[in-house]
C-alpha cells in the first residue's frame, strides 16, 4: 500500500512540475500564434558527455526521441517508450501522453537537448539537462496552436541505469519554464 501511495505521490509531483512544459505549451515568448512547423519533432545535442558514459546519455536522448515520436499522436501505448524508459520515468511519459490524448492535442516541432552527465558510477548516471522546448509545441487536430502560453527552457534531471547490458531512464524530473 505504501508503494502505491508513494508512486502516486511521485507521479502527481512530477506531473505538476511538467505542467508548464506539456500542458501549457511552449512558445518563443511572443503572443502571436505560430503555424505548426513542417519538420517533425527531433532532438539535438550541443555537448558530448564523458566517453565512459556516452551510452547512458545516448539512452537519455533516445528516450526523448521515443517521446517525441509518441507525442506526434499522443500515443501512451507507443511501443518504443519502453525501449529507453522504465519505472517512474516510463509511468510519467505514458501519463503525459494520456493527458495530451484527453485534451485532443499533439506535440510538434523541435526539442533541443544539452545533457551533461554529472554524477556517475559503473551502472548509474545522473544527467542534468536544459531542455529547450521553445519550438516543441502543442497543436489541436485542426492544426492550430493549443494556446499562446509562452514557454522555453526547462531543467531536467534524469537517472539512467544499466541493467542486463542496456541503459534506460528510470527517473525523470522536468522543471517549470525558466529554470535553466
N, C-alpha and C. Protein backbone atom coordinates (compact mmCIF):
# COMPACT_ATOMS: atom_id res chain seq x y z
N UNK A 1 0.82 -1.19 0.00
CA UNK A 1 0.00 0.00 0.00
C UNK A 1 0.87 1.26 0.00
N UNK A 2 1.94 1.28 0.82
CA UNK A 2 2.83 2.44 0.84
C UNK A 2 3.47 2.66 -0.51
N UNK A 3 3.82 1.59 -1.20
CA UNK A 3 4.43 1.70 -2.51
C UNK A 3 3.47 2.36 -3.49
N UNK A 4 2.19 1.98 -3.43
CA UNK A 4 1.21 2.59 -4.33
C UNK A 4 1.04 4.07 -4.02
N UNK A 5 0.99 4.42 -2.75
CA UNK A 5 0.85 5.83 -2.38
C UNK A 5 2.08 6.62 -2.81
N UNK A 6 3.26 6.05 -2.59
CA UNK A 6 4.50 6.73 -2.97
C UNK A 6 4.54 6.95 -4.48
N UNK A 7 4.19 5.91 -5.24
CA UNK A 7 4.18 6.02 -6.70
C UNK A 7 3.19 7.08 -7.15
N UNK A 8 2.02 7.10 -6.55
CA UNK A 8 1.00 8.09 -6.91
C UNK A 8 1.48 9.49 -6.57
N UNK A 9 2.12 9.65 -5.40
CA UNK A 9 2.61 10.96 -4.99
C UNK A 9 3.73 11.43 -5.91
N UNK A 10 4.65 10.55 -6.25
CA UNK A 10 5.73 10.92 -7.16
C UNK A 10 5.20 11.30 -8.52
N UNK A 11 4.24 10.53 -9.01
CA UNK A 11 3.66 10.81 -10.31
C UNK A 11 2.93 12.15 -10.29
N UNK A 12 2.21 12.41 -9.22
CA UNK A 12 1.49 13.69 -9.10
C UNK A 12 2.48 14.85 -9.04
N UNK A 13 3.54 14.71 -8.27
CA UNK A 13 4.54 15.78 -8.16
C UNK A 13 5.23 16.02 -9.49
N UNK A 14 5.60 14.95 -10.16
CA UNK A 14 6.26 15.09 -11.46
C UNK A 14 5.32 15.70 -12.47
N UNK A 15 4.07 15.30 -12.44
CA UNK A 15 3.09 15.83 -13.37
C UNK A 15 2.90 17.32 -13.16
N UNK A 16 2.85 17.74 -11.92
CA UNK A 16 2.69 19.16 -11.63
C UNK A 16 3.91 19.94 -12.12
N UNK A 17 5.08 19.36 -11.97
CA UNK A 17 6.31 20.04 -12.39
C UNK A 17 6.37 20.22 -13.89
N UNK A 18 5.79 19.31 -14.65
CA UNK A 18 5.88 19.40 -16.10
C UNK A 18 4.68 20.10 -16.73
N UNK A 19 3.75 20.53 -15.91
CA UNK A 19 2.55 21.16 -16.45
C UNK A 19 2.89 22.31 -17.40
N UNK A 20 3.84 23.13 -17.04
CA UNK A 20 4.21 24.26 -17.89
C UNK A 20 4.78 23.82 -19.22
N UNK A 21 5.48 22.70 -19.24
CA UNK A 21 6.11 22.22 -20.47
C UNK A 21 5.11 21.57 -21.40
N UNK A 22 4.32 20.64 -20.89
CA UNK A 22 3.48 19.85 -21.77
C UNK A 22 2.01 20.22 -21.74
N UNK A 23 1.51 20.71 -20.64
CA UNK A 23 0.11 21.04 -20.57
C UNK A 23 -0.13 22.50 -20.92
N UNK A 24 0.89 23.34 -20.72
CA UNK A 24 0.74 24.75 -21.02
C UNK A 24 1.26 25.12 -22.39
N UNK A 25 2.01 24.26 -23.02
CA UNK A 25 2.59 24.55 -24.31
C UNK A 25 3.80 25.44 -24.16
N UNK A 26 4.58 25.54 -25.20
CA UNK A 26 5.76 26.37 -25.19
C UNK A 26 5.75 27.24 -26.43
N UNK A 27 6.30 28.44 -26.33
CA UNK A 27 6.36 29.33 -27.48
C UNK A 27 7.64 30.13 -27.40
N UNK A 28 7.85 30.96 -28.39
CA UNK A 28 9.09 31.74 -28.43
C UNK A 28 9.01 33.00 -27.60
N UNK A 29 7.97 33.16 -26.81
CA UNK A 29 7.83 34.32 -25.96
C UNK A 29 6.92 35.38 -26.55
N UNK A 30 6.58 35.28 -27.83
CA UNK A 30 5.65 36.24 -28.41
C UNK A 30 4.24 35.73 -28.21
N UNK A 31 3.28 36.63 -28.37
CA UNK A 31 1.90 36.22 -28.20
C UNK A 31 1.27 35.83 -29.53
N UNK A 32 2.01 35.93 -30.62
CA UNK A 32 1.47 35.55 -31.92
C UNK A 32 1.50 34.04 -32.09
N UNK A 33 0.37 33.48 -32.49
CA UNK A 33 0.30 32.04 -32.71
C UNK A 33 1.14 31.69 -33.93
N UNK A 34 1.77 30.52 -33.87
CA UNK A 34 2.57 30.05 -34.99
C UNK A 34 1.88 28.88 -35.64
N UNK A 35 2.08 28.72 -36.93
CA UNK A 35 1.57 27.53 -37.57
C UNK A 35 2.53 26.39 -37.25
N UNK A 36 2.05 25.14 -37.31
CA UNK A 36 2.92 24.02 -36.97
C UNK A 36 4.13 23.96 -37.89
N UNK A 37 5.30 23.71 -37.33
CA UNK A 37 6.47 23.54 -38.18
C UNK A 37 6.30 22.31 -39.06
N UNK A 38 6.86 22.37 -40.26
CA UNK A 38 6.75 21.23 -41.16
C UNK A 38 7.62 20.08 -40.71
N UNK A 39 8.72 20.39 -40.06
CA UNK A 39 9.65 19.37 -39.60
C UNK A 39 9.06 18.61 -38.42
N UNK A 40 9.26 17.32 -38.38
CA UNK A 40 8.78 16.54 -37.25
C UNK A 40 9.67 16.78 -36.05
N UNK A 41 9.21 16.38 -34.91
CA UNK A 41 9.97 16.58 -33.68
C UNK A 41 11.28 15.84 -33.76
N UNK A 42 12.34 16.50 -33.34
CA UNK A 42 13.65 15.87 -33.30
C UNK A 42 14.41 16.36 -32.09
N UNK A 43 15.59 15.86 -31.92
CA UNK A 43 16.41 16.31 -30.81
C UNK A 43 17.79 16.67 -31.32
N UNK A 44 18.40 17.65 -30.67
CA UNK A 44 19.78 18.00 -30.98
C UNK A 44 20.53 18.09 -29.67
N UNK A 45 21.81 17.89 -29.74
CA UNK A 45 22.64 17.95 -28.55
C UNK A 45 23.85 18.79 -28.88
N UNK A 46 24.21 19.69 -27.97
CA UNK A 46 25.34 20.56 -28.24
C UNK A 46 26.59 20.16 -27.47
N UNK A 47 26.46 19.33 -26.44
CA UNK A 47 27.63 18.89 -25.67
C UNK A 47 27.71 17.38 -25.68
N UNK A 48 28.90 16.88 -25.63
CA UNK A 48 29.07 15.44 -25.55
C UNK A 48 29.48 15.07 -24.14
N UNK A 49 29.00 13.95 -23.64
CA UNK A 49 29.31 13.55 -22.27
C UNK A 49 30.67 12.88 -22.18
N UNK A 50 31.08 12.58 -20.95
CA UNK A 50 32.25 11.78 -20.70
C UNK A 50 32.11 10.50 -21.52
N UNK A 51 33.13 10.15 -22.28
CA UNK A 51 33.06 8.98 -23.16
C UNK A 51 32.72 7.70 -22.40
N UNK A 52 33.11 7.63 -21.14
CA UNK A 52 32.85 6.44 -20.32
C UNK A 52 31.35 6.18 -20.18
N UNK A 53 30.54 7.22 -20.19
CA UNK A 53 29.10 7.04 -20.01
C UNK A 53 28.29 7.57 -21.19
N UNK A 54 28.89 7.59 -22.35
CA UNK A 54 28.19 8.06 -23.54
C UNK A 54 26.94 7.23 -23.82
N UNK A 55 26.98 5.95 -23.51
CA UNK A 55 25.81 5.10 -23.75
C UNK A 55 24.62 5.53 -22.90
N UNK A 56 24.87 5.97 -21.69
CA UNK A 56 23.78 6.43 -20.82
C UNK A 56 23.15 7.70 -21.38
N UNK A 57 23.98 8.62 -21.85
CA UNK A 57 23.46 9.85 -22.44
C UNK A 57 22.75 9.54 -23.75
N UNK A 58 23.26 8.59 -24.51
CA UNK A 58 22.57 8.16 -25.74
C UNK A 58 21.19 7.61 -25.43
N UNK A 59 21.07 6.83 -24.35
CA UNK A 59 19.77 6.29 -23.94
C UNK A 59 18.83 7.41 -23.54
N UNK A 60 19.35 8.42 -22.84
CA UNK A 60 18.55 9.58 -22.45
C UNK A 60 18.02 10.30 -23.70
N UNK A 61 18.91 10.56 -24.65
CA UNK A 61 18.49 11.21 -25.90
C UNK A 61 17.47 10.36 -26.64
N UNK A 62 17.71 9.04 -26.67
CA UNK A 62 16.78 8.14 -27.36
C UNK A 62 15.41 8.15 -26.69
N UNK A 63 15.38 8.24 -25.34
CA UNK A 63 14.10 8.32 -24.64
C UNK A 63 13.31 9.54 -25.12
N UNK A 64 13.97 10.68 -25.25
CA UNK A 64 13.30 11.88 -25.74
C UNK A 64 12.85 11.70 -27.18
N UNK A 65 13.66 11.04 -27.99
CA UNK A 65 13.25 10.76 -29.37
C UNK A 65 12.02 9.88 -29.41
N UNK A 66 11.97 8.87 -28.53
CA UNK A 66 10.80 7.99 -28.45
C UNK A 66 9.57 8.80 -28.02
N UNK A 67 9.75 9.68 -27.03
CA UNK A 67 8.64 10.50 -26.57
C UNK A 67 8.18 11.44 -27.68
N UNK A 68 9.12 12.03 -28.40
CA UNK A 68 8.76 12.94 -29.49
C UNK A 68 7.92 12.21 -30.54
N UNK A 69 8.30 10.98 -30.85
CA UNK A 69 7.52 10.20 -31.83
C UNK A 69 6.13 9.89 -31.29
N UNK A 70 6.04 9.50 -30.02
CA UNK A 70 4.74 9.21 -29.40
C UNK A 70 3.89 10.47 -29.32
N UNK A 71 4.52 11.62 -29.07
CA UNK A 71 3.79 12.88 -28.90
C UNK A 71 3.16 13.37 -30.19
N UNK A 72 3.64 12.91 -31.33
CA UNK A 72 3.04 13.33 -32.60
C UNK A 72 1.61 12.85 -32.73
N UNK A 73 1.25 11.79 -31.99
CA UNK A 73 -0.13 11.28 -31.99
C UNK A 73 -0.67 11.14 -30.57
N UNK A 74 0.10 11.56 -29.58
CA UNK A 74 -0.26 11.43 -28.15
C UNK A 74 -0.60 9.98 -27.81
N UNK A 75 0.30 9.09 -28.18
CA UNK A 75 0.09 7.65 -28.02
C UNK A 75 0.81 7.12 -26.78
N UNK A 76 0.05 6.93 -25.70
CA UNK A 76 0.62 6.41 -24.45
C UNK A 76 1.09 4.97 -24.58
N UNK A 77 0.61 4.26 -25.58
CA UNK A 77 1.00 2.87 -25.78
C UNK A 77 2.05 2.71 -26.87
N UNK A 78 2.65 3.80 -27.27
CA UNK A 78 3.69 3.75 -28.30
C UNK A 78 4.76 2.75 -27.86
N UNK A 79 5.01 1.72 -28.63
CA UNK A 79 5.88 0.62 -28.18
C UNK A 79 7.32 1.02 -27.87
N UNK A 80 7.84 2.04 -28.50
CA UNK A 80 9.24 2.43 -28.26
C UNK A 80 9.44 3.13 -26.92
N UNK A 81 8.37 3.57 -26.25
CA UNK A 81 8.55 4.23 -24.96
C UNK A 81 9.28 3.31 -23.97
N UNK A 82 9.05 2.01 -24.06
CA UNK A 82 9.70 1.05 -23.16
C UNK A 82 11.16 0.78 -23.53
N UNK A 83 11.58 1.18 -24.70
CA UNK A 83 12.93 0.88 -25.15
C UNK A 83 14.00 1.61 -24.35
N UNK A 84 13.69 2.83 -23.92
CA UNK A 84 14.71 3.64 -23.24
C UNK A 84 14.23 4.24 -21.93
N UNK A 85 13.03 3.85 -21.48
CA UNK A 85 12.50 4.35 -20.21
C UNK A 85 11.92 3.18 -19.43
N UNK A 86 12.02 3.26 -18.12
CA UNK A 86 11.46 2.22 -17.25
C UNK A 86 11.03 2.88 -15.94
N UNK A 87 10.35 2.13 -15.10
CA UNK A 87 9.98 2.61 -13.78
C UNK A 87 9.19 3.90 -13.81
N UNK A 88 9.55 4.81 -12.90
CA UNK A 88 8.85 6.09 -12.77
C UNK A 88 8.90 6.92 -14.04
N UNK A 89 10.01 6.87 -14.75
CA UNK A 89 10.14 7.66 -15.98
C UNK A 89 9.13 7.18 -17.02
N UNK A 90 9.01 5.88 -17.19
CA UNK A 90 8.06 5.33 -18.15
C UNK A 90 6.63 5.70 -17.76
N UNK A 91 6.32 5.59 -16.47
CA UNK A 91 4.98 5.98 -16.00
C UNK A 91 4.69 7.44 -16.32
N UNK A 92 5.67 8.31 -16.12
CA UNK A 92 5.50 9.73 -16.39
C UNK A 92 5.26 9.98 -17.88
N UNK A 93 6.05 9.35 -18.74
CA UNK A 93 5.88 9.55 -20.18
C UNK A 93 4.49 9.10 -20.63
N UNK A 94 4.05 7.97 -20.14
CA UNK A 94 2.72 7.48 -20.51
C UNK A 94 1.62 8.40 -19.97
N UNK A 95 1.80 8.90 -18.75
CA UNK A 95 0.84 9.83 -18.18
C UNK A 95 0.73 11.08 -19.04
N UNK A 96 1.87 11.63 -19.46
CA UNK A 96 1.86 12.83 -20.29
C UNK A 96 1.11 12.58 -21.60
N UNK A 97 1.34 11.45 -22.22
CA UNK A 97 0.66 11.14 -23.47
C UNK A 97 -0.85 10.93 -23.25
N UNK A 98 -1.20 10.31 -22.13
CA UNK A 98 -2.62 10.11 -21.81
C UNK A 98 -3.32 11.45 -21.62
N UNK A 99 -2.67 12.37 -20.91
CA UNK A 99 -3.26 13.69 -20.70
C UNK A 99 -3.40 14.46 -22.01
N UNK A 100 -2.40 14.38 -22.86
CA UNK A 100 -2.48 15.05 -24.16
C UNK A 100 -3.62 14.45 -25.00
N UNK A 101 -3.77 13.15 -24.97
CA UNK A 101 -4.84 12.49 -25.73
C UNK A 101 -6.20 12.96 -25.22
N UNK A 102 -6.35 13.06 -23.89
CA UNK A 102 -7.62 13.54 -23.31
C UNK A 102 -7.92 14.96 -23.77
N UNK A 103 -6.88 15.78 -23.92
CA UNK A 103 -7.06 17.16 -24.36
C UNK A 103 -7.14 17.26 -25.88
N UNK A 104 -6.94 16.14 -26.56
CA UNK A 104 -7.00 16.09 -28.03
C UNK A 104 -5.97 17.00 -28.67
N UNK A 105 -4.72 16.93 -28.14
CA UNK A 105 -3.62 17.70 -28.70
C UNK A 105 -2.46 16.76 -29.03
N UNK A 106 -1.63 17.22 -29.95
CA UNK A 106 -0.39 16.52 -30.29
C UNK A 106 0.75 17.52 -30.16
N UNK A 107 1.97 17.03 -30.14
CA UNK A 107 3.13 17.90 -29.99
C UNK A 107 3.98 17.80 -31.24
N UNK A 108 4.34 18.96 -31.77
CA UNK A 108 5.16 19.04 -32.98
C UNK A 108 6.25 20.06 -32.78
N UNK A 109 7.28 19.95 -33.59
CA UNK A 109 8.34 20.94 -33.58
C UNK A 109 9.69 20.34 -33.27
N UNK A 110 10.54 21.17 -32.73
CA UNK A 110 11.93 20.79 -32.46
C UNK A 110 12.22 20.92 -30.97
N UNK A 111 12.71 19.87 -30.37
CA UNK A 111 13.17 19.88 -28.98
C UNK A 111 14.69 19.84 -29.01
N UNK A 112 15.30 20.75 -28.28
CA UNK A 112 16.77 20.80 -28.23
C UNK A 112 17.23 20.39 -26.83
N UNK A 113 18.18 19.49 -26.80
CA UNK A 113 18.71 18.97 -25.54
C UNK A 113 20.17 19.36 -25.39
N UNK A 114 20.62 19.42 -24.15
CA UNK A 114 22.01 19.73 -23.83
C UNK A 114 22.43 18.95 -22.59
N UNK A 115 22.40 17.60 -22.67
CA UNK A 115 22.63 16.79 -21.47
C UNK A 115 24.09 16.76 -21.03
N UNK A 116 24.25 16.71 -19.70
CA UNK A 116 25.58 16.60 -19.11
C UNK A 116 25.50 15.53 -18.02
N UNK A 117 26.41 14.56 -18.07
CA UNK A 117 26.49 13.54 -17.02
C UNK A 117 27.20 14.17 -15.83
N UNK A 118 26.47 14.31 -14.72
CA UNK A 118 27.04 14.98 -13.56
C UNK A 118 27.56 14.03 -12.50
N UNK A 119 26.88 12.96 -12.29
CA UNK A 119 27.24 12.02 -11.23
C UNK A 119 27.14 10.64 -11.84
N UNK A 120 28.15 9.82 -11.60
CA UNK A 120 28.14 8.53 -12.26
C UNK A 120 28.89 7.48 -11.46
N UNK A 121 28.49 6.25 -11.69
CA UNK A 121 29.25 5.11 -11.23
C UNK A 121 29.14 4.06 -12.33
N UNK A 122 29.50 2.84 -12.05
CA UNK A 122 29.56 1.83 -13.11
C UNK A 122 28.21 1.54 -13.76
N UNK A 123 27.12 1.66 -13.00
CA UNK A 123 25.81 1.28 -13.57
C UNK A 123 24.76 2.39 -13.47
N UNK A 124 25.11 3.55 -12.95
CA UNK A 124 24.13 4.63 -12.80
C UNK A 124 24.76 5.96 -13.21
N UNK A 125 24.02 6.73 -13.99
CA UNK A 125 24.46 8.05 -14.40
C UNK A 125 23.32 9.02 -14.12
N UNK A 126 23.63 10.13 -13.47
CA UNK A 126 22.66 11.19 -13.25
C UNK A 126 22.96 12.27 -14.28
N UNK A 127 21.92 12.62 -15.02
CA UNK A 127 22.07 13.59 -16.10
C UNK A 127 21.29 14.85 -15.76
N UNK A 128 21.92 15.97 -15.98
CA UNK A 128 21.24 17.27 -15.87
C UNK A 128 21.19 17.84 -17.28
N UNK A 129 20.06 18.43 -17.59
CA UNK A 129 19.86 18.97 -18.93
C UNK A 129 19.11 20.29 -18.83
N UNK A 130 19.21 21.07 -19.87
CA UNK A 130 18.39 22.26 -20.04
C UNK A 130 17.66 22.07 -21.35
N UNK A 131 16.47 21.48 -21.28
CA UNK A 131 15.70 21.18 -22.49
C UNK A 131 15.06 22.46 -23.01
N UNK A 132 15.33 22.75 -24.25
CA UNK A 132 14.77 23.92 -24.91
C UNK A 132 13.55 23.48 -25.71
N UNK A 133 12.37 23.71 -25.14
CA UNK A 133 11.11 23.33 -25.78
C UNK A 133 10.43 24.55 -26.40
N UNK A 134 11.20 25.57 -26.72
CA UNK A 134 10.66 26.78 -27.31
C UNK A 134 9.87 26.47 -28.58
N UNK A 135 10.37 25.55 -29.38
CA UNK A 135 9.72 25.22 -30.66
C UNK A 135 9.06 23.85 -30.64
N UNK A 136 8.83 23.28 -29.48
CA UNK A 136 8.17 21.97 -29.34
C UNK A 136 6.82 22.25 -28.72
N UNK A 137 5.78 22.34 -29.55
CA UNK A 137 4.52 22.94 -29.15
C UNK A 137 3.32 22.01 -29.32
N UNK A 138 2.26 22.30 -28.57
CA UNK A 138 1.00 21.55 -28.67
C UNK A 138 0.12 22.14 -29.77
N UNK A 139 -0.50 21.24 -30.54
CA UNK A 139 -1.42 21.63 -31.59
C UNK A 139 -2.70 20.81 -31.49
N UNK A 140 -3.81 21.45 -31.81
CA UNK A 140 -5.09 20.75 -31.88
C UNK A 140 -5.18 20.02 -33.22
N UNK A 141 -6.19 19.19 -33.37
CA UNK A 141 -6.36 18.43 -34.61
C UNK A 141 -6.55 19.31 -35.84
N UNK A 142 -7.04 20.53 -35.64
CA UNK A 142 -7.24 21.43 -36.78
C UNK A 142 -5.94 22.11 -37.21
N UNK A 143 -4.83 21.79 -36.55
CA UNK A 143 -3.53 22.33 -36.91
C UNK A 143 -3.18 23.64 -36.23
N UNK A 144 -4.11 24.18 -35.43
CA UNK A 144 -3.84 25.43 -34.73
C UNK A 144 -3.16 25.15 -33.40
N UNK A 145 -2.35 26.13 -32.96
CA UNK A 145 -1.70 26.03 -31.66
C UNK A 145 -2.75 25.86 -30.58
N UNK A 146 -2.43 25.08 -29.57
CA UNK A 146 -3.35 24.87 -28.46
C UNK A 146 -3.62 26.19 -27.72
N UNK A 147 -2.57 26.96 -27.49
CA UNK A 147 -2.70 28.24 -26.78
C UNK A 147 -1.48 29.09 -27.10
N UNK A 148 -1.44 30.26 -26.52
CA UNK A 148 -0.32 31.17 -26.74
C UNK A 148 0.55 31.33 -25.50
N UNK A 149 0.51 30.35 -24.61
CA UNK A 149 1.30 30.42 -23.39
C UNK A 149 2.78 30.32 -23.75
N UNK A 150 3.57 31.32 -23.36
CA UNK A 150 4.99 31.26 -23.67
C UNK A 150 5.69 30.16 -22.88
N UNK A 151 6.72 29.63 -23.44
CA UNK A 151 7.48 28.59 -22.78
C UNK A 151 8.95 28.82 -23.00
N UNK A 152 9.73 27.77 -22.90
CA UNK A 152 11.15 27.94 -23.12
C UNK A 152 11.97 26.81 -22.57
N UNK A 153 12.88 27.16 -21.68
CA UNK A 153 13.88 26.22 -21.19
C UNK A 153 13.47 25.61 -19.85
N UNK A 154 13.67 24.31 -19.74
CA UNK A 154 13.29 23.57 -18.55
C UNK A 154 14.47 22.75 -18.04
N UNK A 155 14.75 22.86 -16.77
CA UNK A 155 15.76 21.99 -16.17
C UNK A 155 15.19 20.57 -16.12
N UNK A 156 16.01 19.61 -16.52
CA UNK A 156 15.63 18.21 -16.49
C UNK A 156 16.71 17.44 -15.74
N UNK A 157 16.28 16.62 -14.80
CA UNK A 157 17.17 15.71 -14.10
C UNK A 157 16.71 14.29 -14.40
N UNK A 158 17.64 13.44 -14.76
CA UNK A 158 17.30 12.06 -15.10
C UNK A 158 18.32 11.12 -14.48
N UNK A 159 17.82 9.99 -14.02
CA UNK A 159 18.69 8.91 -13.55
C UNK A 159 18.61 7.80 -14.57
N UNK A 160 19.77 7.45 -15.12
CA UNK A 160 19.85 6.42 -16.14
C UNK A 160 20.64 5.26 -15.55
N UNK A 161 20.09 4.06 -15.66
CA UNK A 161 20.70 2.90 -15.04
C UNK A 161 20.91 1.79 -16.08
N UNK A 162 22.02 1.10 -15.93
CA UNK A 162 22.32 -0.03 -16.80
C UNK A 162 21.88 -1.31 -16.09
N UNK A 163 21.03 -2.07 -16.78
CA UNK A 163 20.59 -3.37 -16.28
C UNK A 163 20.58 -4.34 -17.44
N UNK A 164 21.15 -5.48 -17.22
CA UNK A 164 21.20 -6.53 -18.25
C UNK A 164 21.81 -6.00 -19.55
N UNK A 165 22.80 -5.13 -19.42
CA UNK A 165 23.53 -4.63 -20.57
C UNK A 165 22.89 -3.46 -21.30
N UNK A 166 21.72 -3.01 -20.86
CA UNK A 166 21.04 -1.91 -21.54
C UNK A 166 20.83 -0.74 -20.57
N UNK A 167 20.99 0.47 -21.08
CA UNK A 167 20.76 1.68 -20.29
C UNK A 167 19.33 2.15 -20.50
N UNK A 168 18.62 2.47 -19.42
CA UNK A 168 17.28 3.04 -19.51
C UNK A 168 17.14 4.18 -18.49
N UNK A 169 16.30 5.14 -18.84
CA UNK A 169 16.00 6.24 -17.91
C UNK A 169 14.97 5.71 -16.93
N UNK A 170 15.33 5.72 -15.64
CA UNK A 170 14.43 5.21 -14.60
C UNK A 170 13.67 6.33 -13.89
N UNK A 171 14.32 7.45 -13.71
CA UNK A 171 13.68 8.58 -13.03
C UNK A 171 13.84 9.80 -13.91
N UNK A 172 12.79 10.63 -13.91
CA UNK A 172 12.80 11.80 -14.77
C UNK A 172 12.06 12.92 -14.07
N UNK A 173 12.69 14.08 -13.98
CA UNK A 173 12.07 15.26 -13.41
C UNK A 173 12.22 16.40 -14.40
N UNK A 174 11.12 17.00 -14.79
CA UNK A 174 11.11 18.12 -15.72
C UNK A 174 10.57 19.33 -14.98
N UNK A 175 11.40 20.33 -14.79
CA UNK A 175 11.01 21.50 -14.02
C UNK A 175 10.24 22.49 -14.90
N UNK A 176 9.74 23.54 -14.30
CA UNK A 176 8.92 24.52 -14.99
C UNK A 176 9.76 25.39 -15.93
N UNK A 177 9.08 26.16 -16.75
CA UNK A 177 9.72 27.07 -17.69
C UNK A 177 10.61 28.06 -16.96
N UNK A 178 11.77 28.32 -17.53
CA UNK A 178 12.65 29.35 -17.00
C UNK A 178 13.59 28.86 -15.91
N UNK A 179 13.71 27.55 -15.72
CA UNK A 179 14.54 27.04 -14.64
C UNK A 179 15.98 26.76 -15.08
N UNK A 180 16.30 27.08 -16.30
CA UNK A 180 17.70 26.99 -16.75
C UNK A 180 17.91 27.93 -17.92
